[in-house]
Amino acid sequence: MFKDCKTGGYNLESTYATGQRLIALILLIAIAYTIAVLAGRNSRKMGLQQYVGRLQELKRYARRHSAFWVGLYGCLWVGAMEFWSDLAIALVRLKPGKLPYFQRGLRAMTLIQSAL
C-alpha cells in the first residue's frame, strides 16, 4: 500500500503506526510536502533558484530540479548561510572585491526566507 512513499524517502511500514497515528503521520507528510512545493514555486517566481541549485542546461528539456527540491534546499541554503555567515564576513574582509557577491547572497537569503 505504501510502496510509492517507500521509494520517495518515507518508509511508513517501518514506523509500525496504525490507526490515528498513521493518519496523523500521512497528514504531516502531505503538509510538509505542500509547504516545500509552495516555497519552491515562490523562490522560482522571485528568480532565486540560481542561488539554491543549478539552472537548466541548454540541452535539457525538463527542469533540473522540481519545486519540491528547490523548496527543501532553499531552506537548507538559508540555514547554511546563517551558520557560516561569520566565516563569510571574515573572508570578505580579506577580499573586499567580493563584497557585492556576498551582498547579493544576503539579499537572496532574505528573499528566500520571505518565500518560506
Protein backbone atom coordinates (compact mmCIF):
# COMPACT_ATOMS: atom_id res chain seq x y z
CA MET A 1 0.00 0.00 0.00
CA PHE A 2 2.84 2.44 0.80
CA LYS A 3 5.34 1.41 -1.89
CA ASP A 4 5.26 4.91 -3.50
CA CYS A 5 6.06 6.55 -0.11
CA LYS A 6 8.81 3.98 0.47
CA THR A 7 10.64 4.93 -2.73
CA GLY A 8 10.12 8.63 -2.02
CA GLY A 9 12.23 8.54 1.13
CA TYR A 10 9.43 7.83 3.60
CA ASN A 11 9.34 4.26 4.88
CA LEU A 12 5.95 4.18 6.57
CA GLU A 13 5.99 0.42 7.06
CA SER A 14 8.91 0.65 9.50
CA THR A 15 7.04 3.13 11.72
CA TYR A 16 4.52 0.44 12.73
CA ALA A 17 1.97 3.23 13.08
CA THR A 18 -1.66 2.21 12.90
CA GLY A 19 -4.99 3.92 13.13
CA GLN A 20 -4.95 7.54 14.19
CA ARG A 21 -1.13 7.72 14.42
CA LEU A 22 -0.81 6.52 10.81
CA ILE A 23 -3.33 9.08 9.60
CA ALA A 24 -1.51 11.84 11.52
CA LEU A 25 1.83 10.76 10.02
CA ILE A 26 0.47 10.75 6.47
CA LEU A 27 -1.15 14.14 7.03
CA LEU A 28 2.13 15.53 8.36
CA ILE A 29 4.00 14.25 5.29
CA ALA A 30 1.38 15.80 2.98
CA ILE A 31 1.58 19.17 4.75
CA ALA A 32 5.40 19.19 4.71
CA TYR A 33 5.43 18.29 1.00
CA THR A 34 2.92 21.02 0.18
CA ILE A 35 4.87 23.65 2.10
CA ALA A 36 8.12 22.69 0.34
CA VAL A 37 6.48 22.82 -3.10
CA LEU A 38 4.91 26.23 -2.42
CA ALA A 39 8.21 27.61 -1.12
CA GLY A 40 9.99 26.28 -4.22
CA ARG A 41 7.44 27.87 -6.54
CA ASN A 42 7.76 31.20 -4.72
CA SER A 43 11.56 31.01 -4.95
CA ARG A 44 11.33 30.37 -8.69
CA LYS A 45 8.91 33.25 -9.22
CA MET A 46 11.31 35.54 -7.38
CA GLY A 47 14.25 34.35 -9.50
CA LEU A 48 16.11 32.80 -6.58
CA GLN A 49 16.59 29.32 -7.98
CA GLN A 50 20.11 30.22 -9.14
CA TYR A 51 21.20 30.53 -5.53
CA VAL A 52 19.69 27.23 -4.45
CA GLY A 53 20.56 24.92 -7.34
CA ARG A 54 21.83 24.71 -10.87
CA LEU A 55 19.93 26.42 -13.60
CA GLN A 56 18.50 24.50 -16.53
CA GLU A 57 21.15 23.41 -19.02
CA LEU A 58 20.80 24.29 -22.70
CA LYS A 59 20.17 20.75 -24.00
CA ARG A 60 17.96 19.65 -21.11
CA TYR A 61 14.24 19.76 -21.88
CA ALA A 62 12.94 19.39 -18.35
CA ARG A 63 13.97 21.43 -15.34
CA ARG A 64 16.87 20.02 -13.39
CA HIS A 65 15.11 20.25 -10.02
CA SER A 66 11.47 20.18 -9.02
CA ALA A 67 9.71 22.86 -6.98
CA PHE A 68 9.82 20.43 -4.06
CA TRP A 69 13.61 20.15 -4.28
CA VAL A 70 14.07 23.92 -4.60
CA GLY A 71 11.83 24.49 -1.57
CA LEU A 72 13.73 21.99 0.58
CA TYR A 73 17.18 23.13 -0.41
CA GLY A 74 16.22 26.79 -0.18
CA CYS A 75 15.56 26.23 3.50
CA LEU A 76 18.87 24.35 3.88
CA TRP A 77 20.72 27.09 1.96
CA VAL A 78 19.40 29.74 4.34
CA GLY A 79 20.44 27.65 7.33
CA ALA A 80 23.93 27.20 5.92
CA MET A 81 24.25 30.92 5.22
CA GLU A 82 23.27 31.71 8.79
CA PHE A 83 25.67 29.11 10.18
CA TRP A 84 28.66 30.18 8.06
CA SER A 85 27.98 33.94 7.92
CA ASP A 86 30.75 34.82 10.41
CA LEU A 87 33.32 32.94 8.35
CA ALA A 88 32.00 34.50 5.14
CA ILE A 89 32.27 38.00 6.63
CA ALA A 90 35.88 37.30 7.66
CA LEU A 91 36.68 36.10 4.13
CA VAL A 92 35.05 39.16 2.55
CA ARG A 93 37.27 41.37 4.72
CA LEU A 94 40.27 39.65 3.13
CA LYS A 95 38.90 40.13 -0.40
CA PRO A 96 36.79 43.34 -0.44
CA GLY A 97 36.18 42.92 -4.18
CA LYS A 98 33.86 40.00 -3.38
CA LEU A 99 31.57 42.18 -1.23
CA PRO A 100 28.95 42.76 -3.98
CA TYR A 101 28.56 38.99 -4.47
CA PHE A 102 28.22 38.45 -0.73
CA GLN A 103 25.62 41.21 -0.52
CA ARG A 104 23.65 39.63 -3.37
CA GLY A 105 23.72 36.34 -1.49
CA LEU A 106 22.47 38.01 1.68
CA ARG A 107 19.68 39.70 -0.28
CA ALA A 108 18.73 36.34 -1.81
CA MET A 109 18.73 34.78 1.63
CA THR A 110 16.26 37.35 2.97
CA LEU A 111 14.05 36.84 -0.10
CA ILE A 112 14.12 33.06 0.32
CA GLN A 113 13.21 33.47 3.98
CA SER A 114 10.24 35.60 2.93
CA ALA A 115 9.21 32.88 0.45
CA LEU A 116 9.20 30.29 3.23
